Protein backbone atom coordinates (compact mmCIF):
# COMPACT_ATOMS: atom_id res chain seq x y z
CA UNK A 1 -48.50 -243.96 -16.22
CA UNK A 2 -47.66 -244.15 -12.54
CA UNK A 3 -49.48 -246.45 -10.16
CA UNK A 4 -48.88 -246.10 -6.42
CA UNK A 5 -50.02 -248.68 -3.82
CA UNK A 6 -51.71 -250.92 -6.30
CA UNK A 7 -52.50 -253.77 -3.90
CA UNK A 8 -51.72 -252.60 -0.37
CA UNK A 9 -52.96 -249.60 1.55
CA UNK A 10 -50.60 -247.04 3.07
CA UNK A 11 -51.85 -247.86 6.57
CA UNK A 12 -51.02 -251.54 6.02
CA UNK A 13 -47.73 -250.65 4.38
CA UNK A 14 -46.27 -248.65 7.25
CA UNK A 15 -47.56 -251.07 9.90
CA UNK A 16 -46.44 -254.26 8.12
CA UNK A 17 -43.81 -256.18 10.10
CA UNK A 18 -40.49 -256.10 8.30
CA UNK A 19 -36.86 -256.34 9.25
CA UNK A 20 -36.25 -252.83 10.65
CA UNK A 21 -34.34 -250.45 8.43
CA UNK A 22 -33.02 -248.99 11.68
CA UNK A 23 -32.82 -251.20 14.81
CA UNK A 24 -36.07 -251.00 16.75
CA UNK A 25 -36.13 -250.15 20.43
CA UNK A 26 -39.09 -252.51 20.85
CA UNK A 27 -36.94 -255.60 20.72
CA UNK A 28 -36.44 -258.36 18.21
CA UNK A 29 -38.81 -258.46 15.29
CA UNK A 30 -40.39 -255.17 16.37
CA UNK A 31 -42.31 -252.89 14.05
CA UNK A 32 -40.54 -250.38 11.87
CA UNK A 33 -39.13 -247.54 13.96
CA UNK A 34 -40.45 -243.98 13.67
CA UNK A 35 -37.27 -243.02 11.82
CA UNK A 36 -37.70 -245.88 9.37
CA UNK A 37 -41.32 -244.89 8.84
CA UNK A 38 -40.17 -241.36 8.10
CA UNK A 39 -37.79 -242.73 5.48
CA UNK A 40 -40.63 -244.71 3.92
CA UNK A 41 -42.81 -241.62 3.94
CA UNK A 42 -40.06 -239.67 2.19
CA UNK A 43 -39.57 -242.34 -0.47
CA UNK A 44 -43.25 -242.99 -1.08
CA UNK A 45 -44.58 -239.45 -1.03
CA UNK A 46 -41.87 -236.87 -1.65
CA UNK A 47 -40.53 -238.59 -4.76
CA UNK A 48 -43.95 -238.97 -6.44
CA UNK A 49 -44.78 -235.39 -5.55
CA UNK A 50 -41.62 -234.28 -7.30
CA UNK A 51 -42.68 -236.22 -10.40
CA UNK A 52 -46.26 -234.98 -10.34
CA UNK A 53 -45.09 -231.40 -9.81
CA UNK A 54 -43.86 -231.44 -13.39
CA UNK A 55 -47.49 -231.47 -14.49
CA UNK A 56 -48.47 -227.84 -14.07
CA UNK A 57 -52.11 -226.97 -14.80
CA UNK A 58 -52.15 -225.06 -18.07
CA UNK A 59 -54.54 -224.24 -20.90
CA UNK A 60 -53.90 -222.94 -24.40
CA UNK A 61 -55.16 -222.99 -27.98
CA UNK A 62 -52.48 -222.61 -30.64
CA UNK A 63 -51.96 -222.86 -34.38
CA UNK A 64 -49.47 -225.69 -34.43
CA UNK A 65 -48.99 -226.05 -38.18
CA UNK A 66 -50.17 -224.05 -41.15
CA UNK A 67 -49.89 -224.79 -44.83
CA UNK A 68 -51.13 -222.84 -47.85
CA UNK A 69 -51.56 -225.31 -50.69
CA UNK A 70 -54.02 -226.87 -53.12
CA UNK A 71 -52.51 -230.23 -52.22
CA UNK A 72 -53.21 -232.32 -49.17
CA UNK A 73 -51.80 -230.53 -46.13
CA UNK A 74 -48.43 -231.92 -45.12
CA UNK A 75 -48.75 -231.06 -41.43
CA UNK A 76 -51.88 -232.73 -40.09
CA UNK A 77 -51.94 -233.80 -36.45
CA UNK A 78 -53.24 -237.36 -36.29
CA UNK A 79 -52.42 -238.38 -32.75
CA UNK A 80 -50.94 -237.14 -29.49
CA UNK A 81 -49.14 -239.18 -26.83
CA UNK A 82 -48.55 -237.84 -23.31
CA UNK A 83 -45.42 -238.89 -21.42
CA UNK A 84 -44.98 -239.04 -17.64
CA UNK A 85 -42.90 -235.84 -17.69
CA UNK A 86 -45.98 -234.02 -19.10
CA UNK A 87 -44.43 -233.64 -22.54
CA UNK A 88 -46.40 -234.35 -25.72
CA UNK A 89 -45.44 -236.48 -28.71
CA UNK A 90 -47.38 -235.23 -31.72
CA UNK A 91 -47.64 -237.52 -34.75
CA UNK A 92 -48.52 -237.16 -38.41
CA UNK A 93 -46.34 -236.35 -41.39
CA UNK A 94 -43.63 -235.47 -38.89
CA UNK A 95 -43.00 -236.16 -35.21
CA UNK A 96 -42.75 -233.31 -32.72
CA UNK A 97 -42.08 -233.29 -29.01
CA UNK A 98 -43.20 -230.34 -26.89
CA UNK A 99 -43.30 -229.48 -23.22
CA UNK A 100 -46.62 -229.29 -21.38
CA UNK A 101 -47.12 -225.71 -22.62
CA UNK A 102 -46.76 -226.88 -26.25
CA UNK A 103 -43.36 -225.21 -26.63
CA UNK A 104 -41.25 -227.08 -29.16
CA UNK A 105 -38.46 -229.31 -27.83
CA UNK A 106 -37.59 -231.01 -31.11
CA UNK A 107 -39.10 -231.63 -34.51
CA UNK A 108 -38.19 -234.86 -36.30
CA UNK A 109 -38.81 -235.78 -39.91
CA UNK A 110 -39.92 -239.44 -40.10
CA UNK A 111 -37.13 -241.86 -40.91
CA UNK A 112 -39.14 -243.75 -43.50
CA UNK A 113 -42.25 -242.07 -44.90
CA UNK A 114 -43.21 -245.12 -46.96
CA UNK A 115 -46.15 -244.60 -49.29
CA UNK A 116 -47.08 -241.36 -47.48
CA UNK A 117 -47.95 -243.37 -44.35
CA UNK A 118 -48.10 -241.01 -41.38
CA UNK A 119 -45.67 -241.76 -38.59
CA UNK A 120 -47.13 -243.02 -35.30
CA UNK A 121 -45.40 -241.94 -32.06
CA UNK A 122 -45.52 -244.32 -29.12
CA UNK A 123 -44.51 -243.85 -25.49
CA UNK A 124 -44.23 -247.30 -23.94
CA UNK A 125 -45.20 -248.08 -20.33
CA UNK A 126 -41.53 -248.79 -19.60
CA UNK A 127 -40.68 -245.18 -20.54
CA UNK A 128 -39.17 -245.77 -23.99
CA UNK A 129 -39.98 -243.67 -27.06
CA UNK A 130 -40.78 -245.22 -30.44
CA UNK A 131 -41.73 -244.14 -33.95
CA UNK A 132 -43.76 -246.59 -36.04
CA UNK A 133 -43.79 -246.01 -39.80
CA UNK A 134 -44.81 -247.61 -43.08
CA UNK A 135 -43.84 -251.18 -43.93
CA UNK A 136 -43.67 -251.93 -40.18
CA UNK A 137 -40.53 -249.90 -39.65
CA UNK A 138 -39.97 -249.45 -35.88
CA UNK A 139 -37.45 -246.94 -34.51
CA UNK A 140 -36.49 -246.68 -30.84
CA UNK A 141 -35.39 -243.14 -29.97
CA UNK A 142 -34.39 -241.41 -26.77
CA UNK A 143 -36.25 -238.39 -25.38
CA UNK A 144 -34.12 -236.09 -27.56
CA UNK A 145 -34.87 -237.87 -30.86
CA UNK A 146 -31.55 -239.69 -31.02
CA UNK A 147 -31.87 -243.10 -32.69
CA UNK A 148 -31.13 -246.09 -30.43
CA UNK A 149 -32.09 -248.78 -32.94
CA UNK A 150 -34.20 -249.26 -36.07
CA UNK A 151 -35.88 -252.47 -37.17
CA UNK A 152 -37.80 -253.56 -40.25
CA UNK A 153 -40.19 -256.12 -38.82
CA UNK A 154 -41.24 -257.72 -42.12
CA UNK A 155 -39.73 -258.64 -45.46
CA UNK A 156 -38.92 -255.27 -47.02
CA UNK A 157 -39.41 -256.56 -50.55
CA UNK A 158 -43.14 -256.54 -49.89
CA UNK A 159 -43.78 -252.74 -49.79
CA UNK A 160 -47.38 -253.50 -48.88
CA UNK A 161 -47.84 -253.28 -45.12
CA UNK A 162 -49.42 -250.33 -43.33
CA UNK A 163 -49.25 -250.33 -39.50
CA UNK A 164 -52.06 -248.71 -37.51
CA UNK A 165 -51.52 -249.42 -33.79
CA UNK A 166 -48.74 -250.54 -31.41
CA UNK A 167 -48.77 -251.59 -27.76
CA UNK A 168 -46.20 -252.98 -25.36
CA UNK A 169 -47.12 -256.43 -24.08
CA UNK A 170 -46.75 -257.81 -20.57
CA UNK A 171 -43.59 -259.74 -21.57
CA UNK A 172 -41.85 -256.45 -22.45
CA UNK A 173 -42.13 -256.95 -26.19
CA UNK A 174 -44.46 -255.24 -28.66
CA UNK A 175 -47.37 -256.20 -30.83
CA UNK A 176 -48.26 -254.16 -33.92
CA UNK A 177 -51.36 -254.46 -36.05
CA UNK A 178 -51.99 -253.13 -39.50
CA UNK A 179 -52.91 -254.09 -43.04
CA UNK A 180 -51.09 -256.16 -45.66
CA UNK A 181 -52.07 -255.99 -49.33
CA UNK A 182 -51.97 -259.27 -51.25
CA UNK A 183 -52.72 -260.33 -54.82
CA UNK A 184 -55.46 -262.99 -54.84
CA UNK A 185 -54.89 -263.58 -58.60
CA UNK A 186 -57.92 -261.48 -59.54
CA UNK A 187 -57.59 -258.34 -57.44
CA UNK A 188 -55.47 -256.74 -54.74
CA UNK A 189 -57.05 -257.33 -51.32
CA UNK A 190 -56.21 -256.14 -47.81
CA UNK A 191 -55.61 -258.53 -44.94
CA UNK A 192 -55.21 -258.01 -41.19
CA UNK A 193 -51.51 -258.31 -40.39
CA UNK A 194 -49.95 -258.76 -36.93
CA UNK A 195 -46.30 -258.61 -35.91
CA UNK A 196 -45.11 -259.65 -32.43
CA UNK A 197 -41.60 -258.67 -31.29
CA UNK A 198 -39.39 -259.08 -28.26
CA UNK A 199 -38.23 -256.15 -26.14
CA UNK A 200 -35.39 -255.42 -28.58
CA UNK A 201 -37.74 -255.11 -31.57
CA UNK A 202 -36.82 -258.46 -33.12
CA UNK A 203 -39.73 -260.16 -34.89
CA UNK A 204 -40.87 -263.33 -33.11
CA UNK A 205 -44.13 -264.09 -34.93
CA UNK A 206 -46.27 -262.74 -37.77
CA UNK A 207 -49.86 -263.60 -38.58
CA UNK A 208 -52.24 -262.79 -41.44
CA UNK A 209 -56.00 -262.89 -40.82
CA UNK A 210 -58.86 -262.73 -43.32
CA UNK A 211 -62.43 -262.87 -42.00
CA UNK A 212 -63.85 -262.39 -45.49
CA UNK A 213 -62.46 -262.97 -49.01
CA UNK A 214 -62.59 -259.20 -49.56
CA UNK A 215 -60.86 -256.29 -47.78
CA UNK A 216 -59.92 -256.70 -44.09
CA UNK A 217 -58.29 -253.56 -42.64
CA UNK A 218 -57.06 -253.60 -39.02
CA UNK A 219 -57.26 -250.54 -36.78
CA UNK A 220 -56.63 -251.45 -33.12
CA UNK A 221 -55.24 -254.15 -30.85
CA UNK A 222 -55.41 -254.51 -27.06
CA UNK A 223 -53.97 -257.15 -24.75
CA UNK A 224 -56.53 -258.76 -22.44
CA UNK A 225 -56.00 -259.92 -18.83
CA UNK A 226 -55.82 -263.57 -19.96
CA UNK A 227 -52.75 -262.76 -22.07
CA UNK A 228 -54.69 -262.81 -25.32
CA UNK A 229 -55.71 -259.95 -27.61
CA UNK A 230 -58.74 -258.15 -28.98
CA UNK A 231 -58.53 -256.84 -32.55
CA UNK A 232 -60.82 -254.22 -34.05
CA UNK A 233 -61.00 -254.08 -37.86
CA UNK A 234 -62.97 -252.83 -40.85
CA UNK A 235 -64.29 -255.95 -42.62
CA UNK A 236 -65.85 -256.00 -46.09
CA UNK A 237 -68.67 -258.49 -45.67
CA UNK A 238 -70.06 -258.36 -49.22
CA UNK A 239 -68.20 -256.94 -52.19
CA UNK A 240 -71.27 -256.73 -54.45
CA UNK A 241 -73.20 -254.49 -52.05
CA UNK A 242 -70.10 -252.73 -50.63
CA UNK A 243 -71.15 -253.80 -47.14
CA UNK A 244 -68.53 -253.12 -44.44
CA UNK A 245 -68.80 -253.75 -40.71
CA UNK A 246 -66.71 -253.40 -37.57
CA UNK A 247 -65.07 -256.76 -36.89
CA UNK A 248 -64.09 -257.82 -33.36
CA UNK A 249 -61.65 -260.74 -33.15
CA UNK A 250 -60.53 -262.34 -29.87
CA UNK A 251 -57.19 -264.17 -29.98
CA UNK A 252 -55.36 -266.20 -27.34
CA UNK A 253 -51.74 -265.53 -26.38
CA UNK A 254 -50.55 -267.63 -29.34
CA UNK A 255 -52.61 -265.49 -31.75
CA UNK A 256 -55.13 -268.29 -32.31
CA UNK A 257 -58.74 -267.18 -32.80
CA UNK A 258 -61.16 -267.67 -29.92
CA UNK A 259 -64.16 -265.69 -31.20
CA UNK A 260 -65.29 -263.38 -33.99
CA UNK A 261 -68.27 -261.03 -34.28
CA UNK A 262 -69.32 -257.97 -36.29
CA UNK A 263 -71.24 -254.79 -35.53
CA UNK A 264 -75.00 -254.91 -36.16
CA UNK A 265 -74.80 -251.94 -38.54
CA UNK A 266 -72.71 -251.20 -41.61
CA UNK A 267 -69.98 -248.57 -41.84
CA UNK A 268 -68.14 -246.66 -44.51
CA UNK A 269 -65.17 -248.25 -46.24
CA UNK A 270 -62.04 -247.22 -44.30
CA UNK A 271 -64.21 -245.27 -41.86
CA UNK A 272 -62.31 -243.78 -38.90
CA UNK A 273 -62.33 -246.43 -36.18
CA UNK A 274 -60.91 -245.85 -32.72
CA UNK A 275 -60.94 -247.82 -29.48
CA UNK A 276 -59.76 -247.29 -25.89
CA UNK A 277 -59.25 -249.43 -22.82
CA UNK A 278 -62.09 -248.33 -20.56
CA UNK A 279 -62.15 -247.77 -16.82
CA UNK A 280 -63.69 -251.21 -16.27
CA UNK A 281 -61.01 -252.82 -18.50
CA UNK A 282 -63.43 -253.41 -21.34
CA UNK A 283 -62.96 -251.81 -24.76
CA UNK A 284 -65.06 -249.07 -26.37
CA UNK A 285 -65.20 -248.73 -30.15
CA UNK A 286 -66.29 -245.87 -32.38
CA UNK A 287 -66.85 -245.98 -36.14
CA UNK A 288 -68.49 -243.81 -38.81
CA UNK A 289 -71.78 -245.27 -40.02
CA UNK A 290 -72.89 -246.03 -43.55
CA UNK A 291 -74.41 -243.47 -45.93
CA UNK A 292 -78.00 -244.43 -45.04
CA UNK A 293 -77.81 -243.05 -41.52
CA UNK A 294 -74.69 -240.91 -42.09
CA UNK A 295 -73.90 -241.00 -38.41
CA UNK A 296 -71.70 -242.56 -35.74
CA UNK A 297 -72.03 -245.90 -34.02
CA UNK A 298 -70.92 -246.40 -30.43
CA UNK A 299 -70.03 -249.97 -29.53
CA UNK A 300 -68.74 -251.36 -26.27
CA UNK A 301 -67.32 -254.87 -25.94
CA UNK A 302 -66.13 -256.87 -22.95
CA UNK A 303 -62.82 -258.68 -22.51
CA UNK A 304 -64.12 -261.69 -24.43
CA UNK A 305 -64.95 -259.57 -27.48
CA UNK A 306 -68.73 -259.73 -26.94
CA UNK A 307 -70.71 -256.59 -27.83
CA UNK A 308 -72.49 -255.24 -24.74
CA UNK A 309 -73.58 -251.80 -25.99
CA UNK A 310 -74.48 -250.54 -29.47
CA UNK A 311 -76.06 -247.23 -30.41
CA UNK A 312 -76.22 -244.91 -33.43
CA UNK A 313 -76.00 -241.10 -33.39
CA UNK A 314 -77.67 -240.23 -36.68
CA UNK A 315 -76.28 -237.30 -38.66
CA UNK A 316 -73.15 -236.98 -36.52
CA UNK A 317 -70.04 -238.17 -38.35
CA UNK A 318 -67.17 -239.44 -36.21
CA UNK A 319 -63.89 -237.49 -36.41
CA UNK A 320 -61.57 -239.78 -34.46
CA UNK A 321 -61.43 -238.30 -30.95
CA UNK A 322 -62.46 -240.58 -28.08
CA UNK A 323 -61.90 -240.52 -24.30
CA UNK A 324 -63.58 -241.70 -21.11
CA UNK A 325 -64.14 -239.40 -18.14
CA UNK A 326 -63.60 -240.46 -14.49
CA UNK A 327 -67.40 -240.61 -14.05
CA UNK A 328 -67.47 -243.27 -16.84
CA UNK A 329 -69.19 -241.07 -19.42
CA UNK A 330 -67.51 -240.71 -22.82
CA UNK A 331 -66.20 -237.85 -24.92
CA UNK A 332 -66.78 -238.51 -28.62
CA UNK A 333 -65.70 -236.05 -31.34
CA UNK A 334 -68.45 -235.97 -33.94
CA UNK A 335 -68.84 -233.44 -36.74
CA UNK A 336 -67.71 -230.03 -35.39
CA UNK A 337 -68.17 -230.69 -31.65
CA UNK A 338 -67.24 -232.94 -28.75
CA UNK A 339 -70.22 -234.79 -27.28
CA UNK A 340 -70.37 -236.07 -23.70
CA UNK A 341 -72.25 -239.40 -23.85
CA UNK A 342 -73.93 -241.34 -21.05
CA UNK A 343 -73.10 -244.99 -21.72
CA UNK A 344 -76.06 -246.41 -19.81
CA UNK A 345 -78.75 -244.30 -21.49
CA UNK A 346 -76.84 -243.45 -24.72
CA UNK A 347 -78.02 -239.84 -24.30
CA UNK A 348 -75.98 -236.74 -25.12
CA UNK A 349 -75.30 -234.86 -21.88
CA UNK A 350 -73.40 -231.80 -23.15
CA UNK A 351 -71.66 -230.57 -26.31
CA UNK A 352 -68.60 -228.41 -26.80
CA UNK A 353 -67.17 -226.83 -29.96
CA UNK A 354 -63.98 -224.88 -30.71
CA UNK A 355 -63.40 -222.07 -33.22
CA UNK A 356 -60.28 -221.30 -35.23
CA UNK A 357 -58.70 -218.06 -36.42
CA UNK A 358 -61.31 -217.41 -39.10
CA UNK A 359 -64.21 -218.47 -36.88
CA UNK A 360 -64.29 -221.90 -38.49
CA UNK A 361 -65.24 -224.92 -36.39
CA UNK A 362 -62.36 -227.25 -35.53
CA UNK A 363 -63.24 -230.95 -35.95
CA UNK A 364 -61.37 -232.71 -33.15
CA UNK A 365 -59.64 -235.92 -34.21
CA UNK A 366 -57.59 -236.59 -31.06
CA UNK A 367 -58.53 -236.43 -27.36
CA UNK A 368 -55.96 -237.40 -24.72
CA UNK A 369 -56.24 -237.04 -20.92
CA UNK A 370 -53.39 -235.18 -19.21
CA UNK A 371 -51.91 -235.68 -15.78
CA UNK A 372 -53.48 -232.46 -14.38
CA UNK A 373 -56.99 -233.78 -15.00
CA UNK A 374 -57.47 -231.84 -18.23
CA UNK A 375 -57.28 -232.82 -21.90
CA UNK A 376 -55.10 -232.20 -24.93
CA UNK A 377 -57.02 -231.93 -28.21
CA UNK A 378 -56.01 -231.62 -31.86
CA UNK A 379 -57.90 -230.87 -35.04
CA UNK A 380 -57.31 -229.80 -38.64
CA UNK A 381 -59.26 -227.27 -40.71
CA UNK A 382 -59.27 -226.03 -44.31
CA UNK A 383 -60.39 -222.47 -45.08
CA UNK A 384 -61.40 -221.85 -48.68
CA UNK A 385 -59.53 -218.92 -50.26
CA UNK A 386 -60.46 -218.86 -53.94
CA UNK A 387 -61.03 -220.95 -57.03
CA UNK A 388 -58.99 -220.59 -60.21
CA UNK A 389 -59.63 -222.08 -63.64
CA UNK A 390 -56.48 -223.58 -65.15
CA UNK A 391 -56.67 -225.24 -68.57
CA UNK A 392 -60.43 -225.59 -68.23
CA UNK A 393 -60.30 -227.19 -64.77
CA UNK A 394 -61.13 -225.48 -61.47
CA UNK A 395 -58.48 -225.57 -58.76
CA UNK A 396 -59.56 -224.57 -55.23
CA UNK A 397 -57.02 -222.94 -52.92
CA UNK A 398 -57.21 -223.42 -49.16
CA UNK A 399 -55.42 -222.28 -46.02
CA UNK A 400 -54.86 -225.36 -43.86
CA UNK A 401 -54.49 -225.09 -40.10
CA UNK A 402 -53.69 -227.68 -37.46
CA UNK A 403 -54.71 -226.64 -33.95
CA UNK A 404 -53.48 -227.86 -30.58
CA UNK A 405 -55.79 -227.18 -27.63
CA UNK A 406 -55.15 -227.82 -23.93
CA UNK A 407 -58.19 -227.61 -21.66
CA UNK A 408 -59.01 -228.10 -18.01
CA UNK A 409 -61.28 -230.87 -16.75
CA UNK A 410 -64.37 -228.95 -17.93
CA UNK A 411 -63.09 -228.68 -21.55
CA UNK A 412 -63.18 -224.89 -21.16
CA UNK A 413 -62.18 -222.89 -24.24
CA UNK A 414 -59.25 -220.47 -24.09
CA UNK A 415 -58.14 -217.48 -26.21
CA UNK A 416 -56.11 -218.34 -29.29
CA UNK A 417 -52.39 -217.91 -28.73
CA UNK A 418 -49.63 -217.57 -31.27
CA UNK A 419 -48.35 -220.69 -32.98
CA UNK A 420 -45.10 -222.44 -32.24
CA UNK A 421 -42.64 -220.46 -34.33
CA UNK A 422 -39.98 -223.15 -34.38
CA UNK A 423 -42.15 -225.56 -36.33
CA UNK A 424 -44.99 -223.53 -37.73
CA UNK A 425 -44.39 -223.13 -41.41
CA UNK A 426 -46.05 -222.15 -44.63
CA UNK A 427 -44.86 -224.85 -46.97
CA UNK A 428 -44.99 -223.42 -50.47
CA UNK A 429 -42.79 -226.14 -51.97
CA UNK A 430 -44.41 -228.61 -54.33
CA UNK A 431 -42.80 -230.99 -56.81
CA UNK A 432 -44.08 -233.13 -59.64
CA UNK A 433 -42.35 -236.20 -61.05
CA UNK A 434 -42.98 -237.48 -64.57
CA UNK A 435 -42.82 -240.19 -65.70
CA UNK A 436 -43.20 -242.23 -62.53
CA UNK A 437 -42.62 -245.20 -62.59
CA UNK A 438 -39.70 -244.93 -65.05
CA UNK A 439 -37.02 -247.12 -66.52
CA UNK A 440 -34.13 -244.81 -67.45
CA UNK A 441 -34.81 -241.24 -66.33
CA UNK A 442 -37.51 -238.94 -65.00
CA UNK A 443 -37.97 -235.17 -64.62
CA UNK A 444 -38.66 -233.46 -61.29
CA UNK A 445 -40.28 -230.03 -61.58
CA UNK A 446 -40.29 -227.67 -58.58
CA UNK A 447 -42.78 -224.91 -57.82
CA UNK A 448 -40.00 -222.44 -57.02
CA UNK A 449 -36.67 -221.55 -58.55
CA UNK A 450 -34.47 -221.90 -55.45
CA UNK A 451 -31.47 -223.90 -54.33
CA UNK A 452 -32.74 -227.43 -53.81
CA UNK A 453 -31.34 -230.39 -51.87
CA UNK A 454 -32.67 -233.85 -52.73
CA UNK A 455 -31.85 -236.83 -50.51
CA UNK A 456 -32.61 -240.27 -51.94
CA UNK A 457 -33.10 -243.26 -49.63
CA UNK A 458 -34.04 -246.84 -50.38
CA UNK A 459 -36.81 -248.90 -48.80
CA UNK A 460 -34.47 -249.91 -45.98
CA UNK A 461 -33.99 -246.30 -45.01
CA UNK A 462 -30.38 -246.21 -46.25
CA UNK A 463 -29.27 -242.98 -47.89
CA UNK A 464 -28.30 -243.63 -51.50
CA UNK A 465 -27.25 -240.20 -52.74
CA UNK A 466 -27.73 -236.47 -52.28
CA UNK A 467 -28.24 -234.02 -55.12
CA UNK A 468 -27.84 -230.24 -54.70
CA UNK A 469 -29.36 -228.08 -57.43
CA UNK A 470 -28.66 -224.34 -57.63
CA UNK A 471 -31.55 -222.09 -58.67
CA UNK A 472 -33.29 -224.33 -61.18
CA UNK A 473 -36.88 -225.49 -61.51
CA UNK A 474 -36.18 -228.80 -63.22
CA UNK A 475 -33.97 -231.79 -62.56
CA UNK A 476 -33.48 -234.82 -64.78
CA UNK A 477 -32.90 -237.78 -62.51
CA UNK A 478 -31.04 -240.65 -64.15
CA UNK A 479 -31.44 -244.27 -63.10
CA UNK A 480 -27.67 -244.80 -63.30
CA UNK A 481 -26.73 -247.71 -60.98
CA UNK A 482 -29.99 -247.74 -59.03
CA UNK A 483 -31.65 -251.16 -59.04
CA UNK A 484 -35.39 -251.50 -59.76
CA UNK A 485 -37.56 -250.83 -56.74
CA UNK A 486 -39.08 -248.08 -54.61
CA UNK A 487 -37.08 -245.05 -53.46
CA UNK A 488 -37.96 -242.02 -51.38
CA UNK A 489 -37.01 -238.40 -52.05
CA UNK A 490 -36.75 -235.75 -49.36
CA UNK A 491 -36.77 -232.41 -51.20
CA UNK A 492 -35.78 -229.21 -49.36
CA UNK A 493 -35.72 -225.55 -50.34
CA UNK A 494 -34.76 -223.41 -47.36
CA UNK A 495 -37.20 -224.19 -44.53
CA UNK A 496 -39.67 -225.88 -46.86
CA UNK A 497 -39.65 -229.60 -47.50
CA UNK A 498 -41.71 -232.25 -49.25
CA UNK A 499 -41.42 -236.03 -49.58
CA UNK A 500 -41.96 -238.01 -52.76
CA UNK A 501 -41.79 -241.64 -53.86
CA UNK A 502 -40.32 -242.90 -57.14
CA UNK A 503 -40.51 -246.36 -58.67
CA UNK A 504 -37.78 -247.61 -60.95
CA UNK A 505 -38.90 -250.43 -63.22
């Protein structure tokens, strides 16, 4: 994000007494000459205009991914990041970069798809690109998806950490929040887990937080003006009643707790929770409500972590999309529409919905402002095709679509355009592995009888071996010299690919 003239006006800037860039005809210590002022004007205005000119107003609605499968779709869009050059980083099961018209620039398979954790793209304020993946694996890439460095930020023998959010801190380093699963001798429980790094991605501090003896799942972290942090999490208050609430934790700059509070109402376990830094530098939080109200709660907190606003929208489930407009109202994606909310009165001002290729509503799970004053939206749909009985069980077949929508400032809808051919795909490849875990060997069965390439990597992301199989539907994978642990398989047949995990005992 670019900020111009943060603390001094242009009038003051050009009239401020400085040592002349070009000798002044007004004598010693005179004001900047007209020529020098012209140079300043050129630097301060022409250069930013060149940068901003890259952001051309545009609107579109496209099928970004499609997948025909009874399994979970492999190409969901979970988040979008906008860069200063108006390009988009699109995250999920793979990472894609497009230009501001959603034309593909590159499509990268995640470097470590641990435990099916979706990759999180991040464009740092200093202009660097990052990919955050399972087990707190952080990769710094350039704008063309070339790896600069990769770091595992925690002990890789754990295999139990799931990152959710990353920000760059004021010291140039990074802080990442997520969840760590531990064994409390009676049951596996989740704990809030924080990793702080320096600018080079080297771990400087880790911290585990539990606000209850039950599950504590972190979702969001934000640095506050005092150098501390606000954490937003899903806290299980009572295991017997399955009572979960939004937890707000304020930490100082040494990650020591200053305050803790919870939402007045309960939420679903692992409900979608999102937060943004608001125009007044406070933090807004959204979370799906419990099954009694089956709605969405809107919470706003200040920089100290104190709740200042709380309201429930009954019957409207939260999808994940959240943004604030310049007039300080909010866009909240609930159910099959985007709702414009007045924060002061908690009233719904307007609603807007979007339709897909089959007329289905598109639940929006990502809303990001763009530099032309518009918005980039993403949502995923599943269209039922048919049900088939196999061995006495009913299997439902769906056509999955992931949509990418660019709007103007009014959220206006646009005609559906063709998808991005370079990355749109119908992934018909599936694979089953049995037994898994295994001690000596296992069998991999493919859905198609085609030439198959299997790449095996370990938990550190190091490639162990590659197996090429010609026109066969089964492969017996031997343990051989592989040590016990978790390994990841990238399986490819032509343009189709799928990722699997195996455990060797």
